[in-house]
Amino acid sequence: MYAVIETGGKQYRVQEGDVISVEKLGLIEGETYNFDKVLMVANDADIKTGSPYVEGASVKATVITEGRGKKIYVYKYKSKKTYHKKTGHRQYFTKLQINAIHA
């Protein structure tokens, strides 16, 4: 059984036991979170799709940790000018373990 959920403007395909990293949710480690924006739930034989969300479906997850990702450098310059600009960015994330899928 798997489901497709939406969070942080992105879609994730999840199964029970999966560990995923999503946009920062601002939760404490060990806390449970319930995703109610479920786009699709698939069992062995049948598939339920929503328009846009499946009614009554939810995915439960436990927060493993929150942190920041690897640093990404952005370098801008203009040729034949003396313009150079280097900046960096580290994206915040929440790491979750999927516990249960309810259809």
PDB file of N, CA and C in Angstrom:
ATOM      1  N   MET A   1       0.846  -1.177   0.000  1.00  0.00           N
ATOM      2  CA  MET A   1       0.000   0.000   0.000  1.00  0.00           C
ATOM      3  C   MET A   1       0.890   1.239   0.000  1.00  0.00           C
ATOM      4  N   TYR A   2       0.534   2.202  -0.836  1.00  0.00           N
ATOM      5  CA  TYR A   2       1.270   3.458  -0.864  1.00  0.00           C
ATOM      6  C   TYR A   2       0.301   4.609  -1.067  1.00  0.00           C
ATOM      7  N   ALA A   3       0.801   5.818  -0.828  1.00  0.00           N
ATOM      8  CA  ALA A   3      -0.019   7.017  -0.969  1.00  0.00           C
ATOM      9  C   ALA A   3       0.830   8.133  -1.550  1.00  0.00           C
ATOM     10  N   VAL A   4       0.162   9.103  -2.151  1.00  0.00           N
ATOM     11  CA  VAL A   4       0.823  10.315  -2.631  1.00  0.00           C
ATOM     12  C   VAL A   4       0.277  11.468  -1.802  1.00  0.00           C
ATOM     13  N   ILE A   5       1.185  12.168  -1.099  1.00  0.00           N
ATOM     14  CA  ILE A   5       0.775  13.269  -0.231  1.00  0.00           C
ATOM     15  C   ILE A   5       1.336  14.579  -0.774  1.00  0.00           C
ATOM     16  N   GLU A   6       0.748  15.670  -0.322  1.00  0.00           N
ATOM     17  CA  GLU A   6       1.204  16.996  -0.717  1.00  0.00           C
ATOM     18  C   GLU A   6       1.576  17.774   0.532  1.00  0.00           C
ATOM     19  N   THR A   7       2.784  18.337   0.545  1.00  0.00           N
ATOM     20  CA  THR A   7       3.217  19.201   1.632  1.00  0.00           C
ATOM     21  C   THR A   7       4.324  20.114   1.121  1.00  0.00           C
ATOM     22  N   GLY A   8       4.290  21.349   1.545  1.00  0.00           N
ATOM     23  CA  GLY A   8       5.317  22.307   1.138  1.00  0.00           C
ATOM     24  C   GLY A   8       5.327  22.588  -0.352  1.00  0.00           C
ATOM     25  N   GLY A   9       4.181  22.429  -1.020  1.00  0.00           N
ATOM     26  CA  GLY A   9       4.108  22.681  -2.446  1.00  0.00           C
ATOM     27  C   GLY A   9       4.692  21.571  -3.297  1.00  0.00           C
ATOM     28  N   LYS A  10       5.011  20.429  -2.683  1.00  0.00           N
ATOM     29  CA  LYS A  10       5.583  19.294  -3.410  1.00  0.00           C
ATOM     30  C   LYS A  10       4.750  18.049  -3.141  1.00  0.00           C
ATOM     31  N   GLN A  11       4.927  17.043  -3.981  1.00  0.00           N
ATOM     32  CA  GLN A  11       4.219  15.781  -3.820  1.00  0.00           C
ATOM     33  C   GLN A  11       5.224  14.680  -3.525  1.00  0.00           C
ATOM     34  N   TYR A  12       4.851  13.767  -2.629  1.00  0.00           N
ATOM     35  CA  TYR A  12       5.727  12.677  -2.216  1.00  0.00           C
ATOM     36  C   TYR A  12       4.965  11.357  -2.278  1.00  0.00           C
ATOM     37  N   ARG A  13       5.596  10.314  -2.826  1.00  0.00           N
ATOM     38  CA  ARG A  13       5.035   8.969  -2.822  1.00  0.00           C
ATOM     39  C   ARG A  13       5.612   8.265  -1.602  1.00  0.00           C
ATOM     40  N   VAL A  14       4.739   7.807  -0.695  1.00  0.00           N
ATOM     41  CA  VAL A  14       5.204   7.238   0.565  1.00  0.00           C
ATOM     42  C   VAL A  14       4.574   5.873   0.813  1.00  0.00           C
ATOM     43  N   GLN A  15       5.311   5.030   1.540  1.00  0.00           N
ATOM     44  CA  GLN A  15       4.841   3.745   2.029  1.00  0.00           C
ATOM     45  C   GLN A  15       5.128   3.698   3.521  1.00  0.00           C
ATOM     46  N   GLU A  16       4.516   2.737   4.213  1.00  0.00           N
ATOM     47  CA  GLU A  16       4.790   2.586   5.647  1.00  0.00           C
ATOM     48  C   GLU A  16       6.260   2.219   5.833  1.00  0.00           C
ATOM     49  N   GLY A  17       6.898   2.887   6.779  1.00  0.00           N
ATOM     50  CA  GLY A  17       8.307   2.637   7.064  1.00  0.00           C
ATOM     51  C   GLY A  17       9.265   3.542   6.320  1.00  0.00           C
ATOM     52  N   ASP A  18       8.800   4.306   5.344  1.00  0.00           N
ATOM     53  CA  ASP A  18       9.667   5.216   4.590  1.00  0.00           C
ATOM     54  C   ASP A  18      10.133   6.374   5.461  1.00  0.00           C
ATOM     55  N   VAL A  19      11.331   6.876   5.167  1.00  0.00           N
ATOM     56  CA  VAL A  19      11.859   8.077   5.805  1.00  0.00           C
ATOM     57  C   VAL A  19      11.992   9.127   4.712  1.00  0.00           C
ATOM     58  N   ILE A  20      11.324  10.269   4.897  1.00  0.00           N
ATOM     59  CA  ILE A  20      11.341  11.326   3.887  1.00  0.00           C
ATOM     60  C   ILE A  20      11.772  12.643   4.522  1.00  0.00           C
ATOM     61  N   SER A  21      12.331  13.521   3.696  1.00  0.00           N
ATOM     62  CA  SER A  21      12.674  14.879   4.120  1.00  0.00           C
ATOM     63  C   SER A  21      11.743  15.839   3.394  1.00  0.00           C
ATOM     64  N   VAL A  22      11.050  16.667   4.164  1.00  0.00           N
ATOM     65  CA  VAL A  22      10.108  17.633   3.600  1.00  0.00           C
ATOM     66  C   VAL A  22      10.496  19.032   4.056  1.00  0.00           C
ATOM     67  N   GLU A  23       9.820  20.030   3.514  1.00  0.00           N
ATOM     68  CA  GLU A  23      10.043  21.407   3.951  1.00  0.00           C
ATOM     69  C   GLU A  23       9.794  21.519   5.451  1.00  0.00           C
ATOM     70  N   LYS A  24      10.439  22.470   6.102  1.00  0.00           N
ATOM     71  CA  LYS A  24      10.349  22.610   7.555  1.00  0.00           C
ATOM     72  C   LYS A  24       8.898  22.758   8.014  1.00  0.00           C
ATOM     73  N   LEU A  25       8.520  21.918   9.007  1.00  0.00           N
ATOM     74  CA  LEU A  25       7.163  21.947   9.560  1.00  0.00           C
ATOM     75  C   LEU A  25       7.122  22.601  10.936  1.00  0.00           C
ATOM     76  N   GLY A  26       8.280  22.812  11.574  1.00  0.00           N
ATOM     77  CA  GLY A  26       8.324  23.465  12.877  1.00  0.00           C
ATOM     78  C   GLY A  26       7.809  22.579  13.998  1.00  0.00           C
ATOM     79  N   LEU A  27       8.183  21.311  14.005  1.00  0.00           N
ATOM     80  CA  LEU A  27       7.729  20.362  15.018  1.00  0.00           C
ATOM     81  C   LEU A  27       8.881  19.915  15.900  1.00  0.00           C
ATOM     82  N   ILE A  28       8.532  19.332  17.050  1.00  0.00           N
ATOM     83  CA  ILE A  28       9.527  18.834  17.999  1.00  0.00           C
ATOM     84  C   ILE A  28       9.842  17.376  17.686  1.00  0.00           C
ATOM     85  N   GLU A  29      11.081  16.980  17.921  1.00  0.00           N
ATOM     86  CA  GLU A  29      11.504  15.604  17.672  1.00  0.00           C
ATOM     87  C   GLU A  29      10.668  14.615  18.483  1.00  0.00           C
ATOM     88  N   GLY A  30      10.167  13.562  17.824  1.00  0.00           N
ATOM     89  CA  GLY A  30       9.336  12.563  18.473  1.00  0.00           C
ATOM     90  C   GLY A  30       7.847  12.846  18.369  1.00  0.00           C
ATOM     91  N   GLU A  31       7.480  14.034  17.924  1.00  0.00           N
ATOM     92  CA  GLU A  31       6.070  14.407  17.792  1.00  0.00           C
ATOM     93  C   GLU A  31       5.472  13.727  16.556  1.00  0.00           C
ATOM     94  N   THR A  32       4.164  13.448  16.591  1.00  0.00           N
ATOM     95  CA  THR A  32       3.498  12.850  15.431  1.00  0.00           C
ATOM     96  C   THR A  32       2.830  13.948  14.608  1.00  0.00           C
ATOM     97  N   TYR A  33       2.741  13.693  13.311  1.00  0.00           N
ATOM     98  CA  TYR A  33       2.133  14.641  12.391  1.00  0.00           C
ATOM     99  C   TYR A  33       1.189  13.872  11.481  1.00  0.00           C
ATOM    100  N   ASN A  34       0.049  14.458  11.181  1.00  0.00           N
ATOM    101  CA  ASN A  34      -0.965  13.818  10.365  1.00  0.00           C
ATOM    102  C   ASN A  34      -1.132  14.597   9.060  1.00  0.00           C
ATOM    103  N   PHE A  35      -0.828  13.954   7.927  1.00  0.00           N
ATOM    104  CA  PHE A  35      -1.024  14.569   6.614  1.00  0.00           C
ATOM    105  C   PHE A  35      -2.456  14.297   6.170  1.00  0.00           C
ATOM    106  N   ASP A  36      -3.225  15.353   5.941  1.00  0.00           N
ATOM    107  CA  ASP A  36      -4.596  15.162   5.478  1.00  0.00           C
ATOM    108  C   ASP A  36      -4.751  15.502   3.993  1.00  0.00           C
ATOM    109  N   LYS A  37      -3.715  16.050   3.384  1.00  0.00           N
ATOM    110  CA  LYS A  37      -3.747  16.339   1.949  1.00  0.00           C
ATOM    111  C   LYS A  37      -3.192  15.130   1.189  1.00  0.00           C
ATOM    112  N   VAL A  38      -4.046  14.111   1.070  1.00  0.00           N
ATOM    113  CA  VAL A  38      -3.673  12.875   0.389  1.00  0.00           C
ATOM    114  C   VAL A  38      -4.282  12.909  -1.008  1.00  0.00           C
ATOM    115  N   LEU A  39      -3.436  12.854  -2.041  1.00  0.00           N
ATOM    116  CA  LEU A  39      -3.895  12.944  -3.417  1.00  0.00           C
ATOM    117  C   LEU A  39      -4.327  11.595  -3.979  1.00  0.00           C
ATOM    118  N   MET A  40      -3.665  10.509  -3.509  1.00  0.00           N
ATOM    119  CA  MET A  40      -3.974   9.188  -4.034  1.00  0.00           C
ATOM    120  C   MET A  40      -3.594   8.128  -3.019  1.00  0.00           C
ATOM    121  N   VAL A  41      -4.407   7.078  -2.937  1.00  0.00           N
ATOM    122  CA  VAL A  41      -4.097   5.923  -2.097  1.00  0.00           C
ATOM    123  C   VAL A  41      -4.241   4.688  -2.970  1.00  0.00           C
ATOM    124  N   ALA A  42      -3.212   3.839  -3.004  1.00  0.00           N
ATOM    125  CA  ALA A  42      -3.243   2.635  -3.825  1.00  0.00           C
ATOM    126  C   ALA A  42      -3.012   1.418  -2.953  1.00  0.00           C
ATOM    127  N   ASN A  43      -3.926   0.457  -3.071  1.00  0.00           N
ATOM    128  CA  ASN A  43      -3.783  -0.826  -2.417  1.00  0.00           C
ATOM    129  C   ASN A  43      -3.369  -1.816  -3.502  1.00  0.00           C
ATOM    130  N   ASP A  44      -3.316  -3.110  -3.188  1.00  0.00           N
ATOM    131  CA  ASP A  44      -2.925  -4.093  -4.193  1.00  0.00           C
ATOM    132  C   ASP A  44      -3.844  -4.062  -5.413  1.00  0.00           C
ATOM    133  N   ALA A  45      -5.144  -4.019  -5.166  1.00  0.00           N
ATOM    134  CA  ALA A  45      -6.098  -4.141  -6.272  1.00  0.00           C
ATOM    135  C   ALA A  45      -6.741  -2.817  -6.678  1.00  0.00           C
ATOM    136  N   ASP A  46      -7.031  -1.944  -5.709  1.00  0.00           N
ATOM    137  CA  ASP A  46      -7.775  -0.738  -6.088  1.00  0.00           C
ATOM    138  C   ASP A  46      -6.975   0.535  -5.828  1.00  0.00           C
ATOM    139  N   ILE A  47      -7.303   1.572  -6.596  1.00  0.00           N
ATOM    140  CA  ILE A  47      -6.650   2.873  -6.491  1.00  0.00           C
ATOM    141  C   ILE A  47      -7.731   3.916  -6.255  1.00  0.00           C
ATOM    142  N   LYS A  48      -7.536   4.740  -5.218  1.00  0.00           N
ATOM    143  CA  LYS A  48      -8.462   5.836  -4.940  1.00  0.00           C
ATOM    144  C   LYS A  48      -7.750   7.145  -5.240  1.00  0.00           C
ATOM    145  N   THR A  49      -8.345   7.946  -6.098  1.00  0.00           N
ATOM    146  CA  THR A  49      -7.798   9.265  -6.400  1.00  0.00           C
ATOM    147  C   THR A  49      -8.796  10.312  -5.951  1.00  0.00           C
ATOM    148  N   GLY A  50      -8.295  11.449  -5.572  1.00  0.00           N
ATOM    149  CA  GLY A  50      -9.155  12.527  -5.102  1.00  0.00           C
ATOM    150  C   GLY A  50      -9.252  13.632  -6.123  1.00  0.00           C
ATOM    151  N   SER A  51     -10.169  14.546  -5.852  1.00  0.00           N
ATOM    152  CA  SER A  51     -10.272  15.708  -6.716  1.00  0.00           C
ATOM    153  C   SER A  51     -10.466  16.960  -5.867  1.00  0.00           C
ATOM    154  N   PRO A  52      -9.484  17.563  -5.287  1.00  0.00           N
ATOM    155  CA  PRO A  52      -8.073  17.190  -5.389  1.00  0.00           C
ATOM    156  C   PRO A  52      -7.612  16.192  -4.329  1.00  0.00           C
ATOM    157  N   TYR A  53      -8.320  16.052  -3.204  1.00  0.00           N
ATOM    158  CA  TYR A  53      -7.860  15.179  -2.129  1.00  0.00           C
ATOM    159  C   TYR A  53      -8.839  14.039  -1.887  1.00  0.00           C
ATOM    160  N   VAL A  54      -8.312  12.904  -1.410  1.00  0.00           N
ATOM    161  CA  VAL A  54      -9.140  11.745  -1.087  1.00  0.00           C
ATOM    162  C   VAL A  54      -9.808  12.003   0.264  1.00  0.00           C
ATOM    163  N   GLU A  55     -11.139  11.899   0.306  1.00  0.00           N
ATOM    164  CA  GLU A  55     -11.867  12.158   1.547  1.00  0.00           C
ATOM    165  C   GLU A  55     -11.644  11.032   2.544  1.00  0.00           C
ATOM    166  N   GLY A  56     -11.366  11.405   3.786  1.00  0.00           N
ATOM    167  CA  GLY A  56     -11.182  10.428   4.855  1.00  0.00           C
ATOM    168  C   GLY A  56      -9.822   9.770   4.884  1.00  0.00           C
ATOM    169  N   ALA A  57      -8.950  10.077   3.956  1.00  0.00           N
ATOM    170  CA  ALA A  57      -7.622   9.471   3.923  1.00  0.00           C
ATOM    171  C   ALA A  57      -6.635  10.328   4.704  1.00  0.00           C
ATOM    172  N   SER A  58      -5.703   9.665   5.373  1.00  0.00           N
ATOM    173  CA  SER A  58      -4.662  10.390   6.108  1.00  0.00           C
ATOM    174  C   SER A  58      -3.416   9.531   6.198  1.00  0.00           C
ATOM    175  N   VAL A  59      -2.303  10.193   6.416  1.00  0.00           N
ATOM    176  CA  VAL A  59      -1.018   9.523   6.578  1.00  0.00           C
ATOM    177  C   VAL A  59      -0.405  10.029   7.869  1.00  0.00           C
ATOM    178  N   LYS A  60      -0.030   9.099   8.769  1.00  0.00           N
ATOM    179  CA  LYS A  60       0.573   9.476  10.041  1.00  0.00           C
ATOM    180  C   LYS A  60       2.074   9.286   9.978  1.00  0.00           C
ATOM    181  N   ALA A  61       2.799  10.268  10.527  1.00  0.00           N
ATOM    182  CA  ALA A  61       4.259  10.230  10.509  1.00  0.00           C
ATOM    183  C   ALA A  61       4.806  10.712  11.844  1.00  0.00           C
ATOM    184  N   THR A  62       6.029  10.287  12.160  1.00  0.00           N
ATOM    185  CA  THR A  62       6.723  10.704  13.369  1.00  0.00           C
ATOM    186  C   THR A  62       7.958  11.513  12.969  1.00  0.00           C
ATOM    187  N   VAL A  63       8.198  12.616  13.675  1.00  0.00           N
ATOM    188  CA  VAL A  63       9.339  13.478  13.381  1.00  0.00           C
ATOM    189  C   VAL A  63      10.607  12.826  13.916  1.00  0.00           C
ATOM    190  N   ILE A  64      11.582  12.632  13.029  1.00  0.00           N
ATOM    191  CA  ILE A  64      12.878  12.103  13.443  1.00  0.00           C
ATOM    192  C   ILE A  64      13.778  13.254  13.868  1.00  0.00           C
ATOM    193  N   THR A  65      13.895  14.257  13.018  1.00  0.00           N
ATOM    194  CA  THR A  65      14.739  15.405  13.324  1.00  0.00           C
ATOM    195  C   THR A  65      14.383  16.574  12.416  1.00  0.00           C
ATOM    196  N   GLU A  66      14.844  17.748  12.804  1.00  0.00           N
ATOM    197  CA  GLU A  66      14.792  18.929  11.952  1.00  0.00           C
ATOM    198  C   GLU A  66      16.211  19.419  11.767  1.00  0.00           C
ATOM    199  N   GLY A  67      16.501  19.969  10.616  1.00  0.00           N
ATOM    200  CA  GLY A  67      17.867  20.427  10.380  1.00  0.00           C
ATOM    201  C   GLY A  67      17.954  21.310   9.157  1.00  0.00           C
ATOM    202  N   ARG A  68      19.190  21.442   8.689  1.00  0.00           N
ATOM    203  CA  ARG A  68      19.460  22.237   7.503  1.00  0.00           C
ATOM    204  C   ARG A  68      20.250  21.389   6.517  1.00  0.00           C
ATOM    205  N   GLY A  69      19.971  21.578   5.247  1.00  0.00           N
ATOM    206  CA  GLY A  69      20.615  20.794   4.201  1.00  0.00           C
ATOM    207  C   GLY A  69      22.014  21.293   3.879  1.00  0.00           C
ATOM    208  N   LYS A  70      22.596  20.681   2.871  1.00  0.00           N
ATOM    209  CA  LYS A  70      23.916  21.036   2.397  1.00  0.00           C
ATOM    210  C   LYS A  70      23.904  22.451   1.826  1.00  0.00           C
ATOM    211  N   LYS A  71      24.998  23.151   1.976  1.00  0.00           N
ATOM    212  CA  LYS A  71      25.080  24.528   1.489  1.00  0.00           C
ATOM    213  C   LYS A  71      25.168  24.563  -0.031  1.00  0.00           C
ATOM    214  N   ILE A  72      24.385  25.451  -0.612  1.00  0.00           N
ATOM    215  CA  ILE A  72      24.377  25.635  -2.060  1.00  0.00           C
ATOM    216  C   ILE A  72      24.883  27.039  -2.343  1.00  0.00           C
ATOM    217  N   TYR A  73      25.868  27.144  -3.222  1.00  0.00           N
ATOM    218  CA  TYR A  73      26.447  28.435  -3.562  1.00  0.00           C
ATOM    219  C   TYR A  73      25.829  28.982  -4.834  1.00  0.00           C
ATOM    220  N   VAL A  74      25.559  30.292  -4.818  1.00  0.00           N
ATOM    221  CA  VAL A  74      25.032  30.992  -5.980  1.00  0.00           C
ATOM    222  C   VAL A  74      26.056  32.059  -6.339  1.00  0.00           C
ATOM    223  N   TYR A  75      26.509  32.035  -7.580  1.00  0.00           N
ATOM    224  CA  TYR A  75      27.527  32.984  -8.016  1.00  0.00           C
ATOM    225  C   TYR A  75      26.987  33.752  -9.220  1.00  0.00           C
ATOM    226  N   LYS A  76      26.977  35.085  -9.088  1.00  0.00           N
ATOM    227  CA  LYS A  76      26.503  35.944 -10.163  1.00  0.00           C
ATOM    228  C   LYS A  76      27.658  36.811 -10.639  1.00  0.00           C
ATOM    229  N   TYR A  77      27.711  37.041 -11.937  1.00  0.00           N
ATOM    230  CA  TYR A  77      28.685  37.976 -12.465  1.00  0.00           C
ATOM    231  C   TYR A  77      28.207  38.503 -13.805  1.00  0.00           C
ATOM    232  N   LYS A  78      28.753  39.642 -14.171  1.00  0.00           N
ATOM    233  CA  LYS A  78      28.478  40.233 -15.474  1.00  0.00           C
ATOM    234  C   LYS A  78      29.808  40.367 -16.207  1.00  0.00           C
ATOM    235  N   SER A  79      29.827  39.843 -17.415  1.00  0.00           N
ATOM    236  CA  SER A  79      31.076  39.865 -18.164  1.00  0.00           C
ATOM    237  C   SER A  79      31.471  41.291 -18.533  1.00  0.00           C
ATOM    238  N   LYS A  80      32.746  41.532 -18.569  1.00  0.00           N
ATOM    239  CA  LYS A  80      33.349  42.815 -18.939  1.00  0.00           C
ATOM    240  C   LYS A  80      33.016  43.935 -17.962  1.00  0.00           C
ATOM    241  N   LYS A  81      32.449  43.602 -16.838  1.00  0.00           N
ATOM    242  CA  LYS A  81      32.179  44.568 -15.768  1.00  0.00           C
ATOM    243  C   LYS A  81      32.874  44.055 -14.519  1.00  0.00           C
ATOM    244  N   THR A  82      32.944  44.858 -13.495  1.00  0.00           N
ATOM    245  CA  THR A  82      33.557  44.395 -12.251  1.00  0.00           C
ATOM    246  C   THR A  82      32.487  44.005 -11.247  1.00  0.00           C
ATOM    247  N   TYR A  83      31.528  43.214 -11.710  1.00  0.00           N
ATOM    248  CA  TYR A  83      30.441  42.781 -10.837  1.00  0.00           C
ATOM    249  C   TYR A  83      30.559  41.283 -10.584  1.00  0.00           C
ATOM    250  N   HIS A  84      30.805  40.921  -9.335  1.00  0.00           N
ATOM    251  CA  HIS A  84      30.842  39.530  -8.898  1.00  0.00           C
ATOM    252  C   HIS A  84      30.120  39.460  -7.563  1.00  0.00           C
ATOM    253  N   LYS A  85      29.261  38.474  -7.408  1.00  0.00           N
ATOM    254  CA  LYS A  85      28.536  38.322  -6.152  1.00  0.00           C
ATOM    255  C   LYS A  85      28.395  36.830  -5.849  1.00  0.00           C
ATOM    256  N   LYS A  86      28.854  36.421  -4.665  1.00  0.00           N
ATOM    257  CA  LYS A  86      28.763  35.024  -4.258  1.00  0.00           C
ATOM    258  C   LYS A  86      27.948  34.951  -2.971  1.00  0.00           C
ATOM    259  N   THR A  87      26.873  34.155  -2.988  1.00  0.00           N
ATOM    260  CA  THR A  87      26.048  33.970  -1.803  1.00  0.00           C
ATOM    261  C   THR A  87      25.829  32.479  -1.595  1.00  0.00           C
ATOM    262  N   GLY A  88      25.444  32.118  -0.388  1.00  0.00           N
ATOM    263  CA  GLY A  88      25.163  30.727  -0.066  1.00  0.00           C
ATOM    264  C   GLY A  88      23.802  30.590   0.583  1.00  0.00           C
ATOM    265  N   HIS A  89      23.256  29.375   0.533  1.00  0.00           N
ATOM    266  CA  HIS A  89      21.936  29.119   1.108  1.00  0.00           C
ATOM    267  C   HIS A  89      21.882  27.690   1.644  1.00  0.00           C
ATOM    268  N   ARG A  90      21.304  27.531   2.846  1.00  0.00           N
ATOM    269  CA  ARG A  90      21.059  26.206   3.423  1.00  0.00           C
ATOM    270  C   ARG A  90      19.571  26.101   3.717  1.00  0.00           C
ATOM    271  N   GLN A  91      18.903  25.138   3.083  1.00  0.00           N
ATOM    272  CA  GLN A  91      17.461  24.972   3.212  1.00  0.00           C
ATOM    273  C   GLN A  91      17.123  24.191   4.483  1.00  0.00           C
ATOM    274  N   TYR A  92      16.118  24.659   5.230  1.00  0.00           N
ATOM    275  CA  TYR A  92      15.633  23.942   6.404  1.00  0.00           C
ATOM    276  C   TYR A  92      14.768  22.757   5.969  1.00  0.00           C
ATOM    277  N   PHE A  93      14.835  21.655   6.730  1.00  0.00           N
ATOM    278  CA  PHE A  93      14.018  20.492   6.408  1.00  0.00           C
ATOM    279  C   PHE A  93      13.559  19.803   7.680  1.00  0.00           C
ATOM    280  N   THR A  94      12.542  18.946   7.544  1.00  0.00           N
ATOM    281  CA  THR A  94      12.062  18.075   8.617  1.00  0.00           C
ATOM    282  C   THR A  94      12.124  16.658   8.093  1.00  0.00           C
ATOM    283  N   LYS A  95      12.782  15.765   8.828  1.00  0.00           N
ATOM    284  CA  LYS A  95      12.882  14.364   8.437  1.00  0.00           C
ATOM    285  C   LYS A  95      11.800  13.587   9.181  1.00  0.00           C
ATOM    286  N   LEU A  96      10.970  12.843   8.433  1.00  0.00           N
ATOM    287  CA  LEU A  96       9.825  12.130   8.985  1.00  0.00           C
ATOM    288  C   LEU A  96       9.900  10.648   8.657  1.00  0.00           C
ATOM    289  N   GLN A  97       9.351   9.819   9.561  1.00  0.00           N
ATOM    290  CA  GLN A  97       9.169   8.400   9.276  1.00  0.00           C
ATOM    291  C   GLN A  97       7.671   8.141   9.174  1.00  0.00           C
ATOM    292  N   ILE A  98       7.252   7.494   8.096  1.00  0.00           N
ATOM    293  CA  ILE A  98       5.837   7.209   7.854  1.00  0.00           C
ATOM    294  C   ILE A  98       5.441   6.000   8.680  1.00  0.00           C
ATOM    295  N   ASN A  99       4.389   6.163   9.517  1.00  0.00           N
ATOM    296  CA  ASN A  99       3.927   5.085  10.394  1.00  0.00           C
ATOM    297  C   ASN A  99       2.736   4.341   9.832  1.00  0.00           C
ATOM    298  N   ALA A 100       1.724   5.045   9.339  1.00  0.00           N
ATOM    299  CA  ALA A 100       0.501   4.387   8.911  1.00  0.00           C
ATOM    300  C   ALA A 100      -0.173   5.176   7.801  1.00  0.00           C
ATOM    301  N   ILE A 101      -0.864   4.441   6.938  1.00  0.00           N
ATOM    302  CA  ILE A 101      -1.663   5.037   5.875  1.00  0.00           C
ATOM    303  C   ILE A 101      -3.104   4.569   6.079  1.00  0.00           C
ATOM    304  N   HIS A 102      -4.013   5.520   6.260  1.00  0.00           N
ATOM    305  CA  HIS A 102      -5.429   5.203   6.451  1.00  0.00           C
ATOM    306  C   HIS A 102      -6.204   5.671   5.221  1.00  0.00           C
ATOM    307  N   ALA A 103      -6.921   4.746   4.617  1.00  0.00           N
ATOM    308  CA  ALA A 103      -7.674   5.094   3.406  1.00  0.00           C
ATOM    309  C   ALA A 103      -9.140   5.303   3.702  1.00  0.00           C
TER     310      ALA A 103
END
